[in-house]
Protein backbone atom coordinates (compact mmCIF):
# COMPACT_ATOMS: atom_id res chain seq x y z
CA UNK A 1 -61.61 41.16 50.21
CA UNK A 2 -60.72 44.90 50.29
CA UNK A 3 -61.12 47.68 47.69
CA UNK A 4 -57.38 47.61 46.85
CA UNK A 5 -57.58 43.65 46.25
CA UNK A 6 -60.45 44.12 44.19
CA UNK A 7 -58.92 46.83 42.02
CA UNK A 8 -55.75 44.82 41.58
CA UNK A 9 -57.63 41.66 40.53
CA UNK A 10 -59.64 43.92 38.01
CA UNK A 11 -56.28 45.35 36.61
CA UNK A 12 -54.57 41.82 36.52
CA UNK A 13 -57.62 40.37 34.73
CA UNK A 14 -57.84 43.37 32.31
CA UNK A 15 -54.23 42.82 31.38
CA UNK A 16 -54.71 39.29 30.70
CA UNK A 17 -58.16 39.66 28.72
CA UNK A 18 -56.87 42.66 26.54
CA UNK A 19 -53.29 42.81 26.51
CA UNK A 20 -51.68 39.28 26.59
CA UNK A 21 -51.70 37.13 23.45
CA UNK A 22 -49.67 34.20 24.75
CA UNK A 23 -51.48 30.74 23.94
CA UNK A 24 -51.54 27.87 26.45
CA UNK A 25 -52.71 24.54 25.39
CA UNK A 26 -54.95 23.88 28.37
CA UNK A 27 -56.55 27.13 29.35
CA UNK A 28 -57.47 30.41 27.77
CA UNK A 29 -55.79 33.29 29.41
CA UNK A 30 -58.51 35.56 27.99
CA UNK A 31 -61.05 33.57 29.91
CA UNK A 32 -58.86 33.73 33.24
CA UNK A 33 -58.66 37.46 32.68
CA UNK A 34 -62.43 37.97 32.15
CA UNK A 35 -62.95 35.73 35.48
CA UNK A 36 -60.73 37.87 37.48
CA UNK A 37 -62.44 41.05 36.10
CA UNK A 38 -65.84 39.65 37.24
CA UNK A 39 -64.49 38.45 40.61
CA UNK A 40 -62.70 41.82 41.31
CA UNK A 41 -66.07 43.51 40.46
CA UNK A 42 -68.09 41.55 42.88
CA UNK A 43 -65.47 42.05 45.47
CA UNK A 44 -65.26 45.95 44.84
CA UNK A 45 -69.07 45.97 45.20
CA UNK A 46 -69.20 44.05 48.47
CA UNK A 47 -66.23 46.16 49.73
CA UNK A 48 -67.93 49.42 48.96
CA UNK A 49 -71.31 48.50 50.31
CA UNK A 50 -69.56 47.27 53.60
CA UNK A 51 -67.69 50.72 53.81
CA UNK A 52 -71.06 52.73 52.96
CA UNK A 53 -71.96 51.74 56.61
CA UNK A 54 -68.87 53.67 58.21
CA UNK A 55 -69.72 56.83 56.21
CA UNK A 56 -70.44 59.81 58.33
CA UNK A 57 -73.57 60.65 56.20
CA UNK A 58 -74.85 57.17 56.30
CA UNK A 59 -78.20 56.28 57.82
CA UNK A 60 -78.60 54.23 61.02
CA UNK A 61 -75.34 55.57 62.59
CA UNK A 62 -77.19 55.09 66.06
CA UNK A 63 -75.06 57.84 67.87
CA UNK A 64 -75.94 59.73 70.93
CA UNK A 65 -78.76 62.23 70.80
CA UNK A 66 -78.06 65.90 71.59
CA UNK A 67 -79.18 66.97 75.05
CA UNK A 68 -82.51 68.79 74.89
CA UNK A 69 -82.39 72.27 75.22
CA UNK A 70 -85.74 73.29 76.78
CA UNK A 71 -85.54 71.30 79.89
CA UNK A 72 -85.25 73.12 83.36
CA UNK A 73 -82.34 72.02 85.29
CA UNK A 74 -82.87 69.26 87.74
CA UNK A 75 -83.47 70.49 91.52
CA UNK A 76 -81.19 69.42 94.28
CA UNK A 77 -82.95 68.26 97.34
CA UNK A 78 -81.37 69.80 100.62
CA UNK A 79 -79.56 67.36 102.85
CA UNK A 80 -81.31 65.93 105.36
CA UNK A 81 -79.43 65.78 109.13
């Protein structure tokens, strides 16, 4: 579930929970809205935690180390004849 999908679920859930006054005999639309808000919030949390690993300032990037600056250049052995 991506961030956009989570935000859409939260928005639809908020509309159903707070703005719809239509009554259905077998289900409560307000409860369905609350469930969508909760599922969207959980999905948003998971997607943001997943994306935090891709942040350039995140720990554990595992990139290459910069070259050392205080090392003498390697010596090349003369060719043997």
